[in-house]
Amino acid sequence: MEKSFKVLWTKTAQSDLDEIIEYIAIDSIDRALAIFAKIKEACETLNLHPFRCRIMPELLDIDIHSYRELIIKP
């Protein structure tokens, strides 16, 4: 059985996601919902594969390794 990790969203990350989705929804609610679903789907796998994401470079510079970021296109 694979080891499972706990994935936590910072308040800033959650706020940023809300703002991004709201901004996209101004132009297209359907597109905003599709992007939101894509982001949530990608994040749901992080509990099993958290190390596939990079450590945030700006935090590495100050020797903080506990936060990672998942980049999802577009």
PDB file of N, CA and C in Angstrom:
ATOM      1  N   MET A   1       0.839  -1.185   0.000  1.00  0.00           N
ATOM      2  CA  MET A   1       0.000   0.000   0.000  1.00  0.00           C
ATOM      3  C   MET A   1       0.887   1.252   0.000  1.00  0.00           C
ATOM      4  N   GLU A   2       0.500   2.218  -0.794  1.00  0.00           N
ATOM      5  CA  GLU A   2       1.269   3.460  -0.891  1.00  0.00           C
ATOM      6  C   GLU A   2       1.053   4.330   0.340  1.00  0.00           C
ATOM      7  N   LYS A   3       2.105   5.055   0.690  1.00  0.00           N
ATOM      8  CA  LYS A   3       2.000   5.997   1.796  1.00  0.00           C
ATOM      9  C   LYS A   3       1.161   7.188   1.350  1.00  0.00           C
ATOM     10  N   SER A   4       0.298   7.649   2.216  1.00  0.00           N
ATOM     11  CA  SER A   4      -0.563   8.785   1.915  1.00  0.00           C
ATOM     12  C   SER A   4      -0.114   9.991   2.733  1.00  0.00           C
ATOM     13  N   PHE A   5      -0.122  11.146   2.120  1.00  0.00           N
ATOM     14  CA  PHE A   5       0.268  12.388   2.770  1.00  0.00           C
ATOM     15  C   PHE A   5      -0.948  13.286   2.906  1.00  0.00           C
ATOM     16  N   LYS A   6      -0.869  14.221   3.818  1.00  0.00           N
ATOM     17  CA  LYS A   6      -1.940  15.199   3.986  1.00  0.00           C
ATOM     18  C   LYS A   6      -1.565  16.452   3.199  1.00  0.00           C
ATOM     19  N   VAL A   7      -2.460  16.888   2.352  1.00  0.00           N
ATOM     20  CA  VAL A   7      -2.232  18.082   1.533  1.00  0.00           C
ATOM     21  C   VAL A   7      -3.059  19.218   2.117  1.00  0.00           C
ATOM     22  N   LEU A   8      -2.382  20.320   2.395  1.00  0.00           N
ATOM     23  CA  LEU A   8      -3.051  21.488   2.966  1.00  0.00           C
ATOM     24  C   LEU A   8      -2.941  22.670   2.010  1.00  0.00           C
ATOM     25  N   TRP A   9      -4.002  23.416   1.887  1.00  0.00           N
ATOM     26  CA  TRP A   9      -4.005  24.648   1.092  1.00  0.00           C
ATOM     27  C   TRP A   9      -3.769  25.802   2.054  1.00  0.00           C
ATOM     28  N   THR A  10      -2.855  26.685   1.706  1.00  0.00           N
ATOM     29  CA  THR A  10      -2.699  27.892   2.508  1.00  0.00           C
ATOM     30  C   THR A  10      -3.893  28.801   2.232  1.00  0.00           C
ATOM     31  N   LYS A  11      -4.156  29.721   3.133  1.00  0.00           N
ATOM     32  CA  LYS A  11      -5.244  30.675   2.911  1.00  0.00           C
ATOM     33  C   LYS A  11      -4.978  31.498   1.652  1.00  0.00           C
ATOM     34  N   THR A  12      -3.719  31.837   1.434  1.00  0.00           N
ATOM     35  CA  THR A  12      -3.357  32.613   0.241  1.00  0.00           C
ATOM     36  C   THR A  12      -3.623  31.824  -1.024  1.00  0.00           C
ATOM     37  N   ALA A  13      -3.266  30.546  -1.028  1.00  0.00           N
ATOM     38  CA  ALA A  13      -3.495  29.709  -2.214  1.00  0.00           C
ATOM     39  C   ALA A  13      -4.991  29.586  -2.506  1.00  0.00           C
ATOM     40  N   GLN A  14      -5.786  29.363  -1.470  1.00  0.00           N
ATOM     41  CA  GLN A  14      -7.229  29.248  -1.655  1.00  0.00           C
ATOM     42  C   GLN A  14      -7.810  30.560  -2.175  1.00  0.00           C
ATOM     43  N   SER A  15      -7.362  31.665  -1.618  1.00  0.00           N
ATOM     44  CA  SER A  15      -7.824  32.984  -2.054  1.00  0.00           C
ATOM     45  C   SER A  15      -7.423  33.244  -3.508  1.00  0.00           C
ATOM     46  N   ASP A  16      -6.192  32.897  -3.855  1.00  0.00           N
ATOM     47  CA  ASP A  16      -5.729  33.068  -5.242  1.00  0.00           C
ATOM     48  C   ASP A  16      -6.577  32.242  -6.197  1.00  0.00           C
ATOM     49  N   LEU A  17      -6.860  30.996  -5.827  1.00  0.00           N
ATOM     50  CA  LEU A  17      -7.684  30.143  -6.685  1.00  0.00           C
ATOM     51  C   LEU A  17      -9.072  30.753  -6.871  1.00  0.00           C
ATOM     52  N   ASP A  18      -9.662  31.216  -5.793  1.00  0.00           N
ATOM     53  CA  ASP A  18     -10.989  31.849  -5.888  1.00  0.00           C
ATOM     54  C   ASP A  18     -10.955  33.047  -6.831  1.00  0.00           C
ATOM     55  N   GLU A  19      -9.940  33.877  -6.694  1.00  0.00           N
ATOM     56  CA  GLU A  19      -9.828  35.067  -7.544  1.00  0.00           C
ATOM     57  C   GLU A  19      -9.617  34.702  -9.014  1.00  0.00           C
ATOM     58  N   ILE A  20      -8.812  33.697  -9.270  1.00  0.00           N
ATOM     59  CA  ILE A  20      -8.562  33.257 -10.651  1.00  0.00           C
ATOM     60  C   ILE A  20      -9.858  32.764 -11.280  1.00  0.00           C
ATOM     61  N   ILE A  21     -10.586  31.924 -10.557  1.00  0.00           N
ATOM     62  CA  ILE A  21     -11.830  31.367 -11.093  1.00  0.00           C
ATOM     63  C   ILE A  21     -12.869  32.473 -11.301  1.00  0.00           C
ATOM     64  N   GLU A  22     -12.964  33.404 -10.369  1.00  0.00           N
ATOM     65  CA  GLU A  22     -13.903  34.522 -10.520  1.00  0.00           C
ATOM     66  C   GLU A  22     -13.540  35.372 -11.731  1.00  0.00           C
ATOM     67  N   TYR A  23     -12.263  35.599 -11.948  1.00  0.00           N
ATOM     68  CA  TYR A  23     -11.808  36.399 -13.089  1.00  0.00           C
ATOM     69  C   TYR A  23     -12.159  35.712 -14.408  1.00  0.00           C
ATOM     70  N   ILE A  24     -11.916  34.424 -14.491  1.00  0.00           N
ATOM     71  CA  ILE A  24     -12.227  33.683 -15.717  1.00  0.00           C
ATOM     72  C   ILE A  24     -13.736  33.646 -15.942  1.00  0.00           C
ATOM     73  N   ALA A  25     -14.498  33.539 -14.855  1.00  0.00           N
ATOM     74  CA  ALA A  25     -15.955  33.461 -14.952  1.00  0.00           C
ATOM     75  C   ALA A  25     -16.570  34.732 -15.517  1.00  0.00           C
ATOM     76  N   ILE A  26     -15.880  35.853 -15.404  1.00  0.00           N
ATOM     77  CA  ILE A  26     -16.380  37.094 -16.002  1.00  0.00           C
ATOM     78  C   ILE A  26     -16.563  36.905 -17.505  1.00  0.00           C
ATOM     79  N   ASP A  27     -15.635  36.190 -18.109  1.00  0.00           N
ATOM     80  CA  ASP A  27     -15.686  35.937 -19.551  1.00  0.00           C
ATOM     81  C   ASP A  27     -16.502  34.696 -19.885  1.00  0.00           C
ATOM     82  N   SER A  28     -16.321  33.616 -19.091  1.00  0.00           N
ATOM     83  CA  SER A  28     -16.997  32.357 -19.392  1.00  0.00           C
ATOM     84  C   SER A  28     -17.119  31.503 -18.131  1.00  0.00           C
ATOM     85  N   ILE A  29     -18.343  31.336 -17.683  1.00  0.00           N
ATOM     86  CA  ILE A  29     -18.574  30.492 -16.505  1.00  0.00           C
ATOM     87  C   ILE A  29     -18.205  29.046 -16.806  1.00  0.00           C
ATOM     88  N   ASP A  30     -18.541  28.575 -18.000  1.00  0.00           N
ATOM     89  CA  ASP A  30     -18.206  27.194 -18.361  1.00  0.00           C
ATOM     90  C   ASP A  30     -16.697  26.960 -18.353  1.00  0.00           C
ATOM     91  N   ARG A  31     -15.944  27.910 -18.885  1.00  0.00           N
ATOM     92  CA  ARG A  31     -14.483  27.787 -18.908  1.00  0.00           C
ATOM     93  C   ARG A  31     -13.926  27.839 -17.482  1.00  0.00           C
ATOM     94  N   ALA A  32     -14.472  28.707 -16.656  1.00  0.00           N
ATOM     95  CA  ALA A  32     -14.026  28.802 -15.264  1.00  0.00           C
ATOM     96  C   ALA A  32     -14.269  27.487 -14.529  1.00  0.00           C
ATOM     97  N   LEU A  33     -15.428  26.903 -14.719  1.00  0.00           N
ATOM     98  CA  LEU A  33     -15.744  25.625 -14.067  1.00  0.00           C
ATOM     99  C   LEU A  33     -14.838  24.507 -14.572  1.00  0.00           C
ATOM    100  N   ALA A  34     -14.536  24.509 -15.864  1.00  0.00           N
ATOM    101  CA  ALA A  34     -13.653  23.489 -16.437  1.00  0.00           C
ATOM    102  C   ALA A  34     -12.239  23.606 -15.870  1.00  0.00           C
ATOM    103  N   ILE A  35     -11.747  24.825 -15.755  1.00  0.00           N
ATOM    104  CA  ILE A  35     -10.406  25.033 -15.209  1.00  0.00           C
ATOM    105  C   ILE A  35     -10.382  24.675 -13.725  1.00  0.00           C
ATOM    106  N   PHE A  36     -11.421  25.050 -13.002  1.00  0.00           N
ATOM    107  CA  PHE A  36     -11.509  24.697 -11.590  1.00  0.00           C
ATOM    108  C   PHE A  36     -11.483  23.177 -11.413  1.00  0.00           C
ATOM    109  N   ALA A  37     -12.239  22.461 -12.234  1.00  0.00           N
ATOM    110  CA  ALA A  37     -12.271  20.994 -12.167  1.00  0.00           C
ATOM    111  C   ALA A  37     -10.902  20.403 -12.477  1.00  0.00           C
ATOM    112  N   LYS A  38     -10.210  20.968 -13.452  1.00  0.00           N
ATOM    113  CA  LYS A  38      -8.871  20.490 -13.814  1.00  0.00           C
ATOM    114  C   LYS A  38      -7.896  20.684 -12.656  1.00  0.00           C
ATOM    115  N   ILE A  39      -7.971  21.820 -12.000  1.00  0.00           N
ATOM    116  CA  ILE A  39      -7.091  22.104 -10.868  1.00  0.00           C
ATOM    117  C   ILE A  39      -7.398  21.158  -9.708  1.00  0.00           C
ATOM    118  N   LYS A  40      -8.660  21.009  -9.367  1.00  0.00           N
ATOM    119  CA  LYS A  40      -9.042  20.134  -8.256  1.00  0.00           C
ATOM    120  C   LYS A  40      -8.647  18.687  -8.537  1.00  0.00           C
ATOM    121  N   GLU A  41      -8.830  18.238  -9.777  1.00  0.00           N
ATOM    122  CA  GLU A  41      -8.458  16.869 -10.149  1.00  0.00           C
ATOM    123  C   GLU A  41      -6.951  16.644  -9.969  1.00  0.00           C
ATOM    124  N   ALA A  42      -6.162  17.593 -10.416  1.00  0.00           N
ATOM    125  CA  ALA A  42      -4.708  17.473 -10.273  1.00  0.00           C
ATOM    126  C   ALA A  42      -4.311  17.468  -8.801  1.00  0.00           C
ATOM    127  N   CYS A  43      -4.981  18.265  -8.008  1.00  0.00           N
ATOM    128  CA  CYS A  43      -4.638  18.367  -6.585  1.00  0.00           C
ATOM    129  C   CYS A  43      -5.041  17.120  -5.801  1.00  0.00           C
ATOM    130  N   GLU A  44      -6.069  16.443  -6.258  1.00  0.00           N
ATOM    131  CA  GLU A  44      -6.537  15.255  -5.550  1.00  0.00           C
ATOM    132  C   GLU A  44      -5.507  14.132  -5.552  1.00  0.00           C
ATOM    133  N   THR A  45      -4.552  14.151  -6.470  1.00  0.00           N
ATOM    134  CA  THR A  45      -3.531  13.105  -6.525  1.00  0.00           C
ATOM    135  C   THR A  45      -2.306  13.455  -5.676  1.00  0.00           C
ATOM    136  N   LEU A  46      -2.259  14.650  -5.143  1.00  0.00           N
ATOM    137  CA  LEU A  46      -1.085  15.076  -4.380  1.00  0.00           C
ATOM    138  C   LEU A  46      -0.885  14.276  -3.100  1.00  0.00           C
ATOM    139  N   ASN A  47      -1.947  13.741  -2.523  1.00  0.00           N
ATOM    140  CA  ASN A  47      -1.778  12.981  -1.290  1.00  0.00           C
ATOM    141  C   ASN A  47      -0.955  11.712  -1.509  1.00  0.00           C
ATOM    142  N   LEU A  48      -0.926  11.200  -2.735  1.00  0.00           N
ATOM    143  CA  LEU A  48      -0.123  10.015  -3.037  1.00  0.00           C
ATOM    144  C   LEU A  48       1.207  10.349  -3.703  1.00  0.00           C
ATOM    145  N   HIS A  49       1.281  11.497  -4.371  1.00  0.00           N
ATOM    146  CA  HIS A  49       2.492  11.871  -5.121  1.00  0.00           C
ATOM    147  C   HIS A  49       2.877  13.329  -4.874  1.00  0.00           C
ATOM    148  N   PRO A  50       3.101  13.722  -3.648  1.00  0.00           N
ATOM    149  CA  PRO A  50       3.355  15.134  -3.354  1.00  0.00           C
ATOM    150  C   PRO A  50       4.708  15.649  -3.842  1.00  0.00           C
ATOM    151  N   PHE A  51       5.663  14.762  -4.024  1.00  0.00           N
ATOM    152  CA  PHE A  51       7.006  15.205  -4.379  1.00  0.00           C
ATOM    153  C   PHE A  51       7.193  15.430  -5.870  1.00  0.00           C
ATOM    154  N   ARG A  52       6.134  15.216  -6.651  1.00  0.00           N
ATOM    155  CA  ARG A  52       6.235  15.477  -8.083  1.00  0.00           C
ATOM    156  C   ARG A  52       6.214  16.983  -8.371  1.00  0.00           C
ATOM    157  N   CYS A  53       5.802  17.751  -7.396  1.00  0.00           N
ATOM    158  CA  CYS A  53       5.737  19.203  -7.551  1.00  0.00           C
ATOM    159  C   CYS A  53       7.056  19.830  -7.112  1.00  0.00           C
ATOM    160  N   ARG A  54       7.345  20.961  -7.720  1.00  0.00           N
ATOM    161  CA  ARG A  54       8.606  21.611  -7.378  1.00  0.00           C
ATOM    162  C   ARG A  54       8.474  22.429  -6.099  1.00  0.00           C
ATOM    163  N   ILE A  55       9.602  22.552  -5.421  1.00  0.00           N
ATOM    164  CA  ILE A  55       9.657  23.456  -4.276  1.00  0.00           C
ATOM    165  C   ILE A  55       9.715  24.868  -4.845  1.00  0.00           C
ATOM    166  N   MET A  56       8.981  25.757  -4.246  1.00  0.00           N
ATOM    167  CA  MET A  56       8.901  27.128  -4.764  1.00  0.00           C
ATOM    168  C   MET A  56      10.280  27.777  -4.716  1.00  0.00           C
ATOM    169  N   PRO A  57      10.796  28.230  -5.866  1.00  0.00           N
ATOM    170  CA  PRO A  57      12.154  28.774  -5.928  1.00  0.00           C
ATOM    171  C   PRO A  57      12.405  29.935  -4.969  1.00  0.00           C
ATOM    172  N   GLU A  58      11.430  30.807  -4.798  1.00  0.00           N
ATOM    173  CA  GLU A  58      11.629  31.953  -3.909  1.00  0.00           C
ATOM    174  C   GLU A  58      11.760  31.518  -2.449  1.00  0.00           C
ATOM    175  N   LEU A  59      11.186  30.354  -2.112  1.00  0.00           N
ATOM    176  CA  LEU A  59      11.335  29.830  -0.758  1.00  0.00           C
ATOM    177  C   LEU A  59      12.627  29.045  -0.598  1.00  0.00           C
ATOM    178  N   LEU A  60      13.046  28.386  -1.667  1.00  0.00           N
ATOM    179  CA  LEU A  60      14.333  27.683  -1.636  1.00  0.00           C
ATOM    180  C   LEU A  60      15.465  28.646  -1.316  1.00  0.00           C
ATOM    181  N   ASP A  61      15.351  29.855  -1.855  1.00  0.00           N
ATOM    182  CA  ASP A  61      16.381  30.868  -1.623  1.00  0.00           C
ATOM    183  C   ASP A  61      16.558  31.199  -0.142  1.00  0.00           C
ATOM    184  N   ILE A  62      15.499  31.000   0.627  1.00  0.00           N
ATOM    185  CA  ILE A  62      15.590  31.269   2.070  1.00  0.00           C
ATOM    186  C   ILE A  62      15.512  29.971   2.878  1.00  0.00           C
ATOM    187  N   ASP A  63      15.828  28.862   2.215  1.00  0.00           N
ATOM    188  CA  ASP A  63      15.963  27.546   2.843  1.00  0.00           C
ATOM    189  C   ASP A  63      14.673  26.998   3.458  1.00  0.00           C
ATOM    190  N   ILE A  64      13.548  27.264   2.798  1.00  0.00           N
ATOM    191  CA  ILE A  64      12.264  26.683   3.211  1.00  0.00           C
ATOM    192  C   ILE A  64      11.893  25.642   2.165  1.00  0.00           C
ATOM    193  N   HIS A  65      11.709  24.390   2.607  1.00  0.00           N
ATOM    194  CA  HIS A  65      11.470  23.288   1.680  1.00  0.00           C
ATOM    195  C   HIS A  65      10.101  22.635   1.857  1.00  0.00           C
ATOM    196  N   SER A  66       9.270  23.155   2.747  1.00  0.00           N
ATOM    197  CA  SER A  66       8.019  22.480   3.042  1.00  0.00           C
ATOM    198  C   SER A  66       6.850  22.819   2.131  1.00  0.00           C
ATOM    199  N   TYR A  67       7.007  23.817   1.278  1.00  0.00           N
ATOM    200  CA  TYR A  67       5.916  24.208   0.391  1.00  0.00           C
ATOM    201  C   TYR A  67       6.280  23.862  -1.039  1.00  0.00           C
ATOM    202  N   ARG A  68       5.301  23.348  -1.754  1.00  0.00           N
ATOM    203  CA  ARG A  68       5.510  22.999  -3.156  1.00  0.00           C
ATOM    204  C   ARG A  68       4.399  23.641  -3.972  1.00  0.00           C
ATOM    205  N   GLU A  69       4.673  23.755  -5.262  1.00  0.00           N
ATOM    206  CA  GLU A  69       3.637  24.320  -6.131  1.00  0.00           C
ATOM    207  C   GLU A  69       3.395  23.386  -7.300  1.00  0.00           C
ATOM    208  N   LEU A  70       2.151  23.304  -7.659  1.00  0.00           N
ATOM    209  CA  LEU A  70       1.708  22.494  -8.785  1.00  0.00           C
ATOM    210  C   LEU A  70       1.298  23.452  -9.884  1.00  0.00           C
ATOM    211  N   ILE A  71       1.986  23.364 -11.012  1.00  0.00           N
ATOM    212  CA  ILE A  71       1.694  24.261 -12.130  1.00  0.00           C
ATOM    213  C   ILE A  71       0.780  23.533 -13.098  1.00  0.00           C
ATOM    214  N   ILE A  72      -0.347  24.166 -13.395  1.00  0.00           N
ATOM    215  CA  ILE A  72      -1.336  23.580 -14.287  1.00  0.00           C
ATOM    216  C   ILE A  72      -1.588  24.574 -15.414  1.00  0.00           C
ATOM    217  N   LYS A  73      -1.428  24.106 -16.637  1.00  0.00           N
ATOM    218  CA  LYS A  73      -1.651  24.979 -17.803  1.00  0.00           C
ATOM    219  C   LYS A  73      -3.119  24.955 -18.181  1.00  0.00           C
ATOM    220  N   PRO A  74      -3.710  25.967 -18.752  1.00  0.00           N
ATOM    221  CA  PRO A  74      -3.074  27.173 -19.262  1.00  0.00           C
ATOM    222  C   PRO A  74      -2.843  28.172 -18.154  1.00  0.00           C
TER     223      PRO A  74
END
